Amino acid sequence: MQPAKRYFNTSGPNIRAEHYTLERKALVAVGKNMVHQNRYFTIWAPRQSGKSTYFRLLAEELTRQGYLVCQINFENFKIEPFESFFQVLKREARRFWNLTFEGLPTLASFFQFVQNDESNKYVLIIDEVEGINPEYFGEFLHTIRSAYHSRENHNLKSVIFVGVSNITGVVQDNASPFNISDSLQMDYFTREELFELYAQHETETGQIFAPEVKEKIFAITAGQPGLVNGFALRLVEQCAEKFLIDYQDYLAAEQWYLYEALDKNVANVINKAKTHQKFLEEILFLERTIKFDIDKEHIRYFHINGLIKNDPEGNIVFWVPLYKKRLQKYFYPIMNGEAEYVQGNVWLEKYQNEQGGLDLNKVVRAYQDYARRRGFRYFIERDAAGKPKGLREAALVYSFETYIQSFLQVFKGKSYLEPHVALGRSDLVVNLLNNEFVIEAKIFTDITRFAAGKTQLAYYAASLGLRKGIYLVFVNSEVENPKVLESVESIDDVTITTYLVRYDLETDFSEPKAKKRGGRKK
């Protein structure tokens, strides 16, 4: 292998000489054409989506075509006075445009001065536009709007706003005079772009990412540029002496991201999740259709941080499976000894078949008995007053996970979640006693989703090369639909075994009654 000349960048815009970089020529061409048409527009995407790298590439292309491009970041100006904002605007414009703005007292005079200069074609890019103090943001928009409406008569050819939310919606409210409708959305990397990026490292060093590693990274990151680069950087650093980065290396990197990595975007989502726990547990565990509404504060926040988005029907889906997995792990309650209770009642011989392998039917039947005896009250996270902090139904799935993880600890097995972006629980892939199987644990909502879940599970199992799937469904005791039955079915050559776990919200989640104490009567 050759020593690397460049590396995978995980912070800030890319520098070609230092970082593996995608040119994204098609997307740059879109922005370039919008500038050629003298359009003022916005670029928006969640954090770590490659916005800064993109508009630098766009600026380079525009510069080659004779434009003077000024790039300014106003990320930390939320409480800064107007004087500080104006000084930075004039200083950076002087640096990029080689114009002198001395003696100009107002924003209007600043923009008028630029418009009166006929020697060049000017472009202004404002990054982190949401960071501008709202006290003078309106005035700033007003002056740009004036320039926009007369742009055919001057050389301020384009103004581009860049941010983490759809700025068009922000600046078009009733209080704003800004009525520009153009917006360029930054998409995450496609599968082909991820392969192209990784190929740069492979070509320069001779170190190869196994095809299944690249496929898994694309699946768990959804092509989110920060994570695509982050996974690659972690793997390259951890496998510095290896020619081939293989699937086991990927699993180690995923484990690190789930349990150790200090990702600031994940931290932001988790901090906000604390105040919206019931909402997130609802979309994690209940397959309910929820309309995507950007005006809902919690939906908006999770969207601009890259957690959820809208599907073609306008409903919420998860965006990045890794973030979904981190939230599932975060909400998992402390069990207060329940795992130890399960482990103390597990012994190998009870669950073996005649060939000495694992009899999974016995494992699931043992869990059903356990659920009937113990209920689910131990798995409800409560506040200081003893009231549930989250969705009670989430305790159902937490109960099963505690049980199966106890098996894994006793028998030194392992498990991992197979990511997908749909609402509801991800599939759990378990490797135990040299047997691998996939389990879907979900909460019954209606007969249509109950039936569809079997087909989906068969698809996921087949995609993993497995021929068996366990479909564990929690069903409210009030459900009397005769089609909700346990069964063994063959679906697309995959055997799907359905198990039901009945529960009662009041009985199973009620507090245990204190035992009466007293001595013998004398």
Protein backbone atom coordinates (compact mmCIF):
# COMPACT_ATOMS: atom_id res chain seq x y z
CA MET A 1 0.00 0.00 0.00
CA GLN A 2 1.04 3.59 -0.63
CA PRO A 3 0.93 6.25 2.11
CA ALA A 4 -2.14 8.45 1.88
CA LYS A 5 -1.64 11.94 0.48
CA ARG A 6 -5.16 13.01 1.39
CA TYR A 7 -7.70 11.99 4.02
CA PHE A 8 -11.45 11.86 4.64
CA ASN A 9 -12.65 15.19 6.01
CA THR A 10 -15.22 15.26 8.83
CA SER A 11 -15.13 18.95 9.80
CA GLY A 12 -15.60 22.07 7.70
CA PRO A 13 -15.34 22.51 3.94
CA ASN A 14 -13.07 20.31 1.87
CA ILE A 15 -9.70 21.42 0.54
CA ARG A 16 -8.88 19.41 -2.59
CA ALA A 17 -5.18 19.15 -1.85
CA GLU A 18 -5.87 17.74 1.61
CA HIS A 19 -9.20 15.91 1.41
CA TYR A 20 -10.89 13.34 -0.78
CA THR A 21 -13.48 15.47 -2.56
CA LEU A 22 -16.47 14.87 -4.80
CA GLU A 23 -16.79 17.51 -7.48
CA ARG A 24 -20.60 17.08 -7.74
CA LYS A 25 -20.45 18.61 -11.20
CA ALA A 26 -24.14 18.15 -11.99
CA LEU A 27 -25.18 19.98 -8.82
CA VAL A 28 -22.58 22.72 -9.39
CA ALA A 29 -23.97 23.16 -12.90
CA VAL A 30 -27.45 23.75 -11.45
CA GLY A 31 -26.16 26.53 -9.18
CA LYS A 32 -24.04 28.02 -11.97
CA ASN A 33 -27.04 28.20 -14.31
CA MET A 34 -29.11 29.93 -11.62
CA VAL A 35 -26.39 32.59 -11.26
CA HIS A 36 -26.17 32.98 -15.05
CA GLN A 37 -29.90 33.73 -14.98
CA ASN A 38 -29.30 36.44 -12.33
CA ARG A 39 -31.38 34.55 -9.80
CA TYR A 40 -31.13 35.17 -6.06
CA PHE A 41 -31.65 31.84 -4.30
CA THR A 42 -31.14 29.74 -1.19
CA ILE A 43 -29.17 26.56 -0.52
CA TRP A 44 -30.39 24.51 2.40
CA ALA A 45 -29.72 21.12 3.97
CA PRO A 46 -29.25 19.57 7.42
CA ARG A 47 -25.89 19.95 9.11
CA GLN A 48 -22.91 18.00 7.75
CA SER A 49 -24.51 17.77 4.32
CA GLY A 50 -21.58 19.24 2.42
CA LYS A 51 -23.08 22.72 1.93
CA SER A 52 -19.83 24.61 2.59
CA THR A 53 -17.85 22.34 0.28
CA TYR A 54 -20.53 22.74 -2.38
CA PHE A 55 -20.70 26.50 -2.46
CA ARG A 56 -16.89 26.69 -2.48
CA LEU A 57 -16.89 24.49 -5.56
CA LEU A 58 -19.59 26.71 -7.03
CA ALA A 59 -17.58 29.84 -6.19
CA GLU A 60 -14.49 28.39 -7.91
CA GLU A 61 -16.47 27.64 -11.06
CA LEU A 62 -18.05 31.11 -11.08
CA THR A 63 -14.64 32.73 -10.56
CA ARG A 64 -13.30 30.89 -13.59
CA GLN A 65 -16.17 32.41 -15.56
CA GLY A 66 -15.34 35.97 -14.55
CA TYR A 67 -17.51 36.52 -11.45
CA LEU A 68 -16.16 37.99 -8.21
CA VAL A 69 -17.62 35.88 -5.41
CA CYS A 70 -17.75 37.05 -1.78
CA GLN A 71 -18.33 34.32 0.85
CA ILE A 72 -19.26 35.31 4.42
CA ASN A 73 -20.23 33.15 7.41
CA PHE A 74 -22.58 34.75 9.98
CA GLU A 75 -22.99 31.72 12.25
CA ASN A 76 -22.40 33.52 15.57
CA PHE A 77 -24.16 36.84 15.04
CA LYS A 78 -27.45 36.05 16.80
CA ILE A 79 -26.82 38.64 19.53
CA GLU A 80 -24.17 40.76 17.85
CA PRO A 81 -25.00 44.46 17.37
CA PHE A 82 -25.58 45.81 13.90
CA GLU A 83 -22.25 47.65 13.91
CA SER A 84 -20.31 44.36 14.24
CA PHE A 85 -22.36 42.72 11.51
CA PHE A 86 -21.90 45.67 9.16
CA GLN A 87 -18.15 45.86 9.76
CA VAL A 88 -17.71 42.17 8.89
CA LEU A 89 -19.87 42.57 5.78
CA LYS A 90 -17.75 45.51 4.54
CA ARG A 91 -14.44 43.88 5.49
CA GLU A 92 -15.16 40.60 3.69
CA ALA A 93 -16.65 42.36 0.67
CA ARG A 94 -13.49 44.49 0.41
CA ARG A 95 -11.34 41.35 0.61
CA PHE A 96 -13.21 39.38 -2.07
CA TRP A 97 -14.36 42.23 -4.32
CA ASN A 98 -11.45 44.65 -3.93
CA LEU A 99 -13.85 47.54 -3.30
CA THR A 100 -13.52 50.27 -0.67
CA PHE A 101 -16.58 50.89 1.50
CA GLU A 102 -15.24 53.63 3.76
CA GLY A 103 -17.80 56.23 4.81
CA LEU A 104 -20.85 54.15 3.90
CA PRO A 105 -23.20 54.36 6.92
CA THR A 106 -26.08 52.06 5.97
CA LEU A 107 -26.84 48.76 4.32
CA ALA A 108 -28.71 50.58 1.58
CA SER A 109 -25.64 52.70 0.76
CA PHE A 110 -23.44 49.58 0.82
CA PHE A 111 -25.58 47.73 -1.71
CA GLN A 112 -26.08 50.83 -3.82
CA PHE A 113 -22.30 51.26 -4.00
CA VAL A 114 -21.89 47.68 -5.27
CA GLN A 115 -24.68 48.12 -7.79
CA ASN A 116 -23.13 51.33 -9.18
CA ASP A 117 -19.81 49.59 -9.94
CA GLU A 118 -19.86 48.46 -13.57
CA SER A 119 -16.37 46.98 -13.75
CA ASN A 120 -17.21 43.44 -12.58
CA LYS A 121 -19.99 40.88 -12.05
CA TYR A 122 -20.55 40.31 -8.31
CA VAL A 123 -21.98 37.35 -6.36
CA LEU A 124 -22.63 37.39 -2.59
CA ILE A 125 -22.88 34.10 -0.62
CA ILE A 126 -24.11 34.32 2.99
CA ASP A 127 -23.47 31.12 4.95
CA GLU A 128 -25.32 30.31 8.22
CA VAL A 129 -27.85 33.02 7.43
CA GLU A 130 -30.03 31.94 10.38
CA GLY A 131 -27.25 33.21 12.64
CA ILE A 132 -27.97 36.85 11.82
CA ASN A 133 -29.52 38.89 14.63
CA PRO A 134 -33.29 39.16 13.98
CA GLU A 135 -33.21 42.81 15.09
CA TYR A 136 -31.65 43.81 11.75
CA PHE A 137 -32.30 40.70 9.67
CA GLY A 138 -35.43 42.31 8.22
CA GLU A 139 -33.51 45.38 7.10
CA PHE A 140 -30.88 43.16 5.51
CA LEU A 141 -33.56 41.28 3.56
CA HIS A 142 -35.22 44.52 2.50
CA THR A 143 -32.04 45.89 0.94
CA ILE A 144 -31.41 42.62 -0.91
CA ARG A 145 -34.98 42.59 -2.16
CA SER A 146 -34.47 46.06 -3.61
CA ALA A 147 -31.35 44.87 -5.39
CA TYR A 148 -33.18 41.77 -6.64
CA HIS A 149 -35.96 43.73 -8.32
CA SER A 150 -33.52 45.92 -10.27
CA ARG A 151 -30.85 43.29 -10.94
CA GLU A 152 -31.11 43.61 -14.74
CA ASN A 153 -29.70 47.14 -14.39
CA HIS A 154 -26.67 46.45 -12.15
CA ASN A 155 -23.85 43.94 -11.58
CA LEU A 156 -24.84 42.35 -8.24
CA LYS A 157 -25.89 39.34 -10.28
CA SER A 158 -26.78 36.92 -7.49
CA VAL A 159 -27.18 36.69 -3.72
CA ILE A 160 -27.16 33.17 -2.23
CA PHE A 161 -28.35 32.35 1.28
CA VAL A 162 -27.05 29.12 2.83
CA GLY A 163 -28.55 27.49 5.92
CA VAL A 164 -29.77 24.37 7.67
CA SER A 165 -33.47 25.02 7.15
CA ASN A 166 -35.49 26.03 4.14
CA ILE A 167 -34.70 29.74 4.20
CA THR A 168 -37.38 30.46 1.63
CA GLY A 169 -40.01 29.55 4.20
CA VAL A 170 -38.29 31.60 6.90
CA VAL A 171 -37.97 34.80 4.89
CA GLN A 172 -41.38 34.68 3.25
CA ASP A 173 -43.48 35.11 6.35
CA ASN A 174 -45.81 38.08 6.72
CA ALA A 175 -43.22 40.15 8.56
CA SER A 176 -40.64 39.88 5.78
CA PRO A 177 -40.48 41.84 2.54
CA PHE A 178 -38.34 39.10 0.99
CA ASN A 179 -40.28 37.17 -1.63
CA ILE A 180 -37.66 35.16 -3.47
CA SER A 181 -38.97 31.69 -4.29
CA ASP A 182 -35.88 29.97 -5.68
CA SER A 183 -34.28 27.28 -3.55
CA LEU A 184 -31.58 24.69 -4.24
CA GLN A 185 -31.81 21.65 -1.99
CA MET A 186 -28.58 19.83 -1.17
CA ASP A 187 -29.12 16.10 -1.49
CA TYR A 188 -27.03 13.58 0.40
CA PHE A 189 -24.50 11.50 -1.53
CA THR A 190 -25.92 8.88 -3.83
CA ARG A 191 -24.65 5.31 -3.70
CA GLU A 192 -22.58 6.00 -6.82
CA GLU A 193 -21.05 9.12 -5.28
CA LEU A 194 -20.07 7.21 -2.13
CA PHE A 195 -18.34 4.57 -4.26
CA GLU A 196 -16.62 7.34 -6.24
CA LEU A 197 -15.37 9.05 -3.07
CA TYR A 198 -14.02 5.82 -1.59
CA ALA A 199 -12.39 4.97 -4.93
CA GLN A 200 -10.19 8.06 -4.56
CA HIS A 201 -8.64 6.52 -1.44
CA GLU A 202 -8.39 3.10 -3.06
CA THR A 203 -6.59 4.53 -6.10
CA GLU A 204 -4.16 6.65 -4.09
CA THR A 205 -3.24 4.05 -1.46
CA GLY A 206 -4.12 0.62 -2.83
CA GLN A 207 -6.21 -0.09 0.28
CA ILE A 208 -9.62 -1.51 -0.67
CA PHE A 209 -13.06 -1.23 0.94
CA ALA A 210 -14.88 -4.54 0.45
CA PRO A 211 -18.05 -4.00 -1.64
CA GLU A 212 -20.32 -5.09 1.24
CA VAL A 213 -18.64 -2.52 3.50
CA LYS A 214 -19.51 0.29 1.11
CA GLU A 215 -23.05 -1.02 0.77
CA LYS A 216 -23.51 -1.17 4.56
CA ILE A 217 -22.10 2.32 5.06
CA PHE A 218 -24.46 3.73 2.46
CA ALA A 219 -27.39 1.91 4.09
CA ILE A 220 -26.72 3.12 7.63
CA THR A 221 -25.75 6.70 6.71
CA ALA A 222 -28.26 7.23 3.87
CA GLY A 223 -25.36 8.99 2.14
CA GLN A 224 -25.09 11.75 4.76
CA PRO A 225 -21.72 13.30 3.81
CA GLY A 226 -20.42 13.81 7.35
CA LEU A 227 -21.09 10.19 8.29
CA VAL A 228 -19.87 8.82 4.95
CA ASN A 229 -16.54 10.51 5.57
CA GLY A 230 -16.62 9.66 9.28
CA PHE A 231 -17.03 5.92 8.74
CA ALA A 232 -14.28 5.90 6.13
CA LEU A 233 -11.88 7.85 8.33
CA ARG A 234 -12.51 5.52 11.28
CA LEU A 235 -11.97 2.42 9.15
CA VAL A 236 -8.81 3.72 7.50
CA GLU A 237 -7.32 4.68 10.86
CA GLN A 238 -8.24 1.39 12.52
CA CYS A 239 -7.11 -0.73 9.57
CA ALA A 240 -3.92 1.12 8.66
CA GLU A 241 -1.99 -2.11 8.07
CA LYS A 242 -4.72 -4.00 6.23
CA PHE A 243 -4.98 -4.26 2.47
CA LEU A 244 -8.70 -5.12 2.58
CA ILE A 245 -11.20 -3.43 4.90
CA ASP A 246 -13.75 -6.20 5.45
CA TYR A 247 -17.21 -6.68 6.95
CA GLN A 248 -15.92 -7.40 10.46
CA ASP A 249 -14.04 -4.10 10.35
CA TYR A 250 -17.29 -2.39 9.40
CA LEU A 251 -19.14 -3.94 12.35
CA ALA A 252 -16.42 -2.68 14.71
CA ALA A 253 -16.79 0.83 13.26
CA GLU A 254 -20.57 0.68 13.62
CA GLN A 255 -20.21 -0.43 17.24
CA TRP A 256 -17.92 2.53 17.86
CA TYR A 257 -20.42 4.95 16.31
CA LEU A 258 -23.23 3.51 18.41
CA TYR A 259 -21.49 3.44 21.77
CA GLU A 260 -18.43 5.68 21.75
CA ALA A 261 -18.42 8.31 19.01
CA LEU A 262 -19.02 11.88 20.14
CA ASP A 263 -20.95 13.09 17.12
CA LYS A 264 -22.19 16.64 17.72
CA ASN A 265 -25.25 16.21 15.54
CA VAL A 266 -26.29 13.08 17.44
CA ALA A 267 -25.68 14.93 20.71
CA ASN A 268 -27.93 17.79 19.55
CA VAL A 269 -30.70 15.40 18.57
CA ILE A 270 -30.48 13.48 21.86
CA ASN A 271 -30.55 16.67 23.93
CA LYS A 272 -33.68 17.82 22.15
CA ALA A 273 -35.15 14.30 22.29
CA LYS A 274 -35.36 14.55 26.07
CA THR A 275 -38.21 17.05 25.72
CA HIS A 276 -39.99 15.07 22.98
CA GLN A 277 -39.54 11.51 24.25
CA LYS A 278 -43.11 10.36 23.74
CA PHE A 279 -43.17 11.65 20.16
CA LEU A 280 -39.92 9.91 19.25
CA GLU A 281 -40.87 6.65 20.95
CA GLU A 282 -44.15 6.77 19.04
CA ILE A 283 -42.36 6.90 15.68
CA LEU A 284 -39.76 4.38 16.85
CA PHE A 285 -42.23 1.73 18.03
CA LEU A 286 -45.70 2.41 16.65
CA GLU A 287 -46.22 2.23 12.89
CA ARG A 288 -48.64 5.12 12.80
CA THR A 289 -48.83 7.46 9.84
CA ILE A 290 -47.77 10.93 10.95
CA LYS A 291 -47.98 13.85 8.54
CA PHE A 292 -44.83 15.85 8.03
CA ASP A 293 -45.60 19.42 9.14
CA ILE A 294 -42.62 21.79 9.19
CA ASP A 295 -44.57 24.24 11.38
CA LYS A 296 -44.52 21.76 14.27
CA GLU A 297 -41.52 22.77 16.37
CA HIS A 298 -40.32 19.26 17.22
CA ILE A 299 -40.75 18.04 13.63
CA ARG A 300 -38.89 21.07 12.31
CA TYR A 301 -36.02 20.61 14.74
CA PHE A 302 -35.52 16.92 14.01
CA HIS A 303 -35.76 17.62 10.28
CA ILE A 304 -33.07 20.31 10.14
CA ASN A 305 -30.81 18.06 12.21
CA GLY A 306 -31.20 15.29 9.67
CA LEU A 307 -33.27 12.83 11.74
CA ILE A 308 -36.63 12.79 9.92
CA LYS A 309 -37.94 13.84 6.52
CA ASN A 310 -41.10 13.53 4.46
CA ASP A 311 -41.75 10.65 2.08
CA PRO A 312 -43.51 11.05 -1.31
CA GLU A 313 -46.90 10.84 0.45
CA GLY A 314 -45.98 13.66 2.85
CA ASN A 315 -45.53 11.43 5.92
CA ILE A 316 -42.65 11.28 8.38
CA VAL A 317 -39.89 8.74 7.84
CA PHE A 318 -36.47 8.48 9.44
CA TRP A 319 -33.69 9.98 7.37
CA VAL A 320 -30.43 8.46 8.67
CA PRO A 321 -30.71 4.95 10.15
CA LEU A 322 -27.66 5.49 12.37
CA TYR A 323 -29.42 8.34 14.18
CA LYS A 324 -32.49 6.13 14.59
CA LYS A 325 -30.36 3.42 16.16
CA ARG A 326 -28.68 5.86 18.54
CA LEU A 327 -32.08 7.11 19.73
CA GLN A 328 -33.36 3.58 20.25
CA LYS A 329 -30.32 2.90 22.38
CA TYR A 330 -30.61 6.21 24.23
CA PHE A 331 -34.22 5.65 25.29
CA TYR A 332 -33.54 2.12 26.51
CA PRO A 333 -34.25 2.30 30.27
CA ILE A 334 -32.03 1.13 33.11
CA MET A 335 -33.42 -2.21 34.17
CA ASN A 336 -32.74 -2.16 37.91
CA GLY A 337 -31.69 -5.79 38.01
CA GLU A 338 -34.26 -7.22 35.59
CA ALA A 339 -31.54 -8.47 33.24
CA GLU A 340 -29.89 -10.28 36.13
CA TYR A 341 -33.25 -11.87 36.99
CA VAL A 342 -33.52 -13.24 33.45
CA GLN A 343 -29.91 -14.45 33.34
CA GLY A 344 -30.33 -16.32 36.60
CA ASN A 345 -33.07 -18.42 35.04
CA VAL A 346 -31.26 -19.28 31.80
CA TRP A 347 -29.41 -22.55 31.27
CA LEU A 348 -28.20 -23.94 27.99
CA GLU A 349 -29.67 -27.46 28.03
CA LYS A 350 -33.22 -26.12 28.33
CA TYR A 351 -33.04 -24.46 24.90
CA GLN A 352 -31.04 -26.95 22.86
CA ASN A 353 -32.47 -29.16 20.15
CA GLU A 354 -31.55 -32.80 19.61
CA GLN A 355 -28.58 -31.82 17.45
CA GLY A 356 -27.16 -29.60 20.18
CA GLY A 357 -28.08 -26.35 18.44
CA LEU A 358 -30.39 -23.60 19.62
CA ASP A 359 -34.12 -24.32 19.54
CA LEU A 360 -35.40 -20.81 18.89
CA ASN A 361 -39.01 -21.89 19.38
CA LYS A 362 -38.16 -22.78 22.99
CA VAL A 363 -36.47 -19.40 23.49
CA VAL A 364 -39.49 -17.44 22.28
CA ARG A 365 -41.94 -19.63 24.22
CA ALA A 366 -39.84 -19.03 27.33
CA TYR A 367 -40.07 -15.29 26.71
CA GLN A 368 -43.86 -15.51 26.39
CA ASP A 369 -43.99 -17.27 29.79
CA TYR A 370 -41.68 -14.64 31.25
CA ALA A 371 -43.87 -11.80 29.91
CA ARG A 372 -46.98 -13.38 31.43
CA ARG A 373 -45.29 -13.73 34.82
CA ARG A 374 -43.41 -10.45 35.05
CA GLY A 375 -45.42 -8.05 32.90
CA PHE A 376 -43.79 -4.89 31.55
CA ARG A 377 -43.84 -2.45 34.44
CA TYR A 378 -40.10 -2.85 35.01
CA PHE A 379 -39.36 -1.40 31.59
CA ILE A 380 -41.21 1.91 31.92
CA GLU A 381 -38.93 4.91 32.43
CA ARG A 382 -40.37 7.20 35.09
CA ASP A 383 -39.70 10.70 36.33
CA ALA A 384 -38.99 11.70 39.92
CA ALA A 385 -42.71 11.66 40.71
CA GLY A 386 -43.08 8.11 39.38
CA LYS A 387 -44.99 9.09 36.23
CA PRO A 388 -44.03 7.55 32.86
CA LYS A 389 -41.63 9.80 30.94
CA GLY A 390 -42.21 8.14 27.61
CA LEU A 391 -44.61 5.93 25.72
CA ARG A 392 -45.79 2.99 27.81
CA GLU A 393 -46.00 0.72 24.76
CA ALA A 394 -42.25 1.10 24.20
CA ALA A 395 -41.77 -1.03 27.32
CA LEU A 396 -43.06 -4.02 25.36
CA VAL A 397 -40.14 -4.05 22.95
CA TYR A 398 -37.66 -3.09 25.68
CA SER A 399 -38.85 -6.17 27.59
CA PHE A 400 -38.07 -8.52 24.73
CA GLU A 401 -34.70 -6.91 24.04
CA THR A 402 -33.70 -7.30 27.67
CA TYR A 403 -34.67 -10.96 27.53
CA ILE A 404 -32.81 -11.78 24.32
CA GLN A 405 -29.74 -9.78 25.33
CA SER A 406 -29.61 -11.81 28.54
CA PHE A 407 -29.36 -14.95 26.42
CA LEU A 408 -26.57 -13.41 24.41
CA GLN A 409 -24.56 -12.53 27.50
CA VAL A 410 -24.90 -16.00 29.00
CA PHE A 411 -24.01 -17.80 25.76
CA LYS A 412 -21.54 -15.17 24.49
CA GLY A 413 -23.63 -14.34 21.46
CA LYS A 414 -24.00 -10.99 19.71
CA SER A 415 -26.62 -8.95 17.93
CA TYR A 416 -26.98 -5.89 15.76
CA LEU A 417 -29.86 -3.88 14.39
CA GLU A 418 -30.42 -4.01 10.66
CA PRO A 419 -31.16 -0.37 9.74
CA HIS A 420 -33.95 0.91 7.56
CA VAL A 421 -35.66 4.28 7.50
CA ALA A 422 -39.30 3.28 7.85
CA LEU A 423 -41.10 4.09 11.07
CA GLY A 424 -41.32 1.31 13.59
CA ARG A 425 -38.72 -1.05 14.98
CA SER A 426 -35.61 -2.12 13.06
CA ASP A 427 -34.87 -5.81 12.61
CA LEU A 428 -32.66 -7.45 15.22
CA VAL A 429 -30.09 -9.86 13.78
CA VAL A 430 -28.88 -12.36 16.41
CA ASN A 431 -25.84 -14.64 16.21
CA LEU A 432 -25.98 -17.33 18.87
CA LEU A 433 -24.39 -20.79 19.05
CA ASN A 434 -23.25 -20.42 15.44
CA ASN A 435 -26.80 -19.78 14.31
CA GLU A 436 -27.87 -16.44 12.83
CA PHE A 437 -31.47 -15.34 12.64
CA VAL A 438 -33.48 -12.14 12.28
CA ILE A 439 -36.25 -11.06 14.63
CA GLU A 440 -38.83 -8.34 14.10
CA ALA A 441 -40.46 -7.27 17.36
CA LYS A 442 -43.33 -4.89 16.79
CA ILE A 443 -46.57 -3.67 18.31
CA PHE A 444 -49.82 -4.58 16.57
CA THR A 445 -51.70 -1.59 15.15
CA ASP A 446 -53.95 -3.00 12.42
CA ILE A 447 -54.38 -6.12 10.33
CA THR A 448 -52.95 -4.54 7.16
CA ARG A 449 -49.63 -3.69 8.79
CA PHE A 450 -49.65 -7.03 10.60
CA ALA A 451 -49.76 -8.88 7.27
CA ALA A 452 -47.35 -6.51 5.51
CA GLY A 453 -44.81 -6.94 8.29
CA LYS A 454 -44.37 -10.62 7.42
CA THR A 455 -43.52 -9.83 3.81
CA GLN A 456 -41.12 -7.08 4.87
CA LEU A 457 -39.41 -9.42 7.32
CA ALA A 458 -39.01 -12.06 4.61
CA TYR A 459 -37.40 -9.46 2.37
CA TYR A 460 -34.96 -8.32 5.06
CA ALA A 461 -34.05 -11.91 5.96
CA ALA A 462 -33.42 -12.79 2.31
CA SER A 463 -31.27 -9.67 1.86
CA LEU A 464 -29.06 -10.99 4.67
CA GLY A 465 -28.88 -14.45 3.12
CA LEU A 466 -31.07 -15.97 5.85
CA ARG A 467 -33.94 -18.39 5.36
CA LYS A 468 -35.74 -17.97 8.67
CA GLY A 469 -37.35 -15.00 10.38
CA ILE A 470 -39.07 -14.57 13.75
CA TYR A 471 -42.06 -12.24 13.81
CA LEU A 472 -42.85 -11.33 17.43
CA VAL A 473 -45.97 -9.21 17.71
CA PHE A 474 -47.34 -7.59 20.86
CA VAL A 475 -51.13 -7.54 20.75
CA ASN A 476 -53.48 -5.69 23.08
CA SER A 477 -55.79 -8.12 24.89
CA GLU A 478 -58.76 -6.14 23.55
CA VAL A 479 -57.94 -7.12 19.95
CA GLU A 480 -60.20 -10.02 18.92
CA ASN A 481 -59.54 -10.14 15.16
CA PRO A 482 -59.59 -13.83 14.18
CA LYS A 483 -56.84 -13.23 11.58
CA VAL A 484 -54.32 -12.25 14.26
CA LEU A 485 -52.87 -15.70 14.83
CA GLU A 486 -49.59 -17.45 15.42
CA SER A 487 -48.40 -19.22 12.29
CA VAL A 488 -45.54 -20.72 10.30
CA GLU A 489 -45.51 -19.54 6.68
CA SER A 490 -43.18 -19.66 3.70
CA ILE A 491 -42.87 -16.26 2.05
CA ASP A 492 -40.53 -15.97 -0.94
CA ASP A 493 -38.63 -19.07 0.26
CA VAL A 494 -38.17 -17.61 3.76
CA THR A 495 -39.87 -19.33 6.70
CA ILE A 496 -41.61 -16.72 8.85
CA THR A 497 -42.75 -17.90 12.28
CA THR A 498 -45.24 -15.56 13.96
CA TYR A 499 -45.53 -15.42 17.74
CA LEU A 500 -48.02 -13.33 19.69
CA VAL A 501 -47.49 -11.74 23.09
CA ARG A 502 -50.72 -10.52 24.63
CA TYR A 503 -50.69 -7.53 26.98
CA ASP A 504 -53.11 -5.32 28.88
CA LEU A 505 -52.16 -1.67 29.29
CA GLU A 506 -53.70 -1.37 32.74
CA THR A 507 -52.91 -4.77 34.24
CA ASP A 508 -49.43 -5.33 32.82
CA PHE A 509 -48.22 -1.78 33.37
CA SER A 510 -49.69 -1.28 36.84
CA GLU A 511 -47.48 -1.00 39.88
CA PRO A 512 -46.88 -4.23 41.83
CA LYS A 513 -48.78 -4.39 45.06
CA ALA A 514 -46.70 -4.21 48.19
CA LYS A 515 -46.50 -7.47 50.11
CA LYS A 516 -48.26 -7.51 53.44
CA ARG A 517 -45.99 -7.79 56.39
CA GLY A 518 -46.83 -9.18 59.81
CA GLY A 519 -45.82 -11.76 62.37
CA ARG A 520 -47.62 -14.70 63.74
CA LYS A 521 -50.48 -14.10 66.08
CA LYS A 522 -49.59 -14.82 69.61
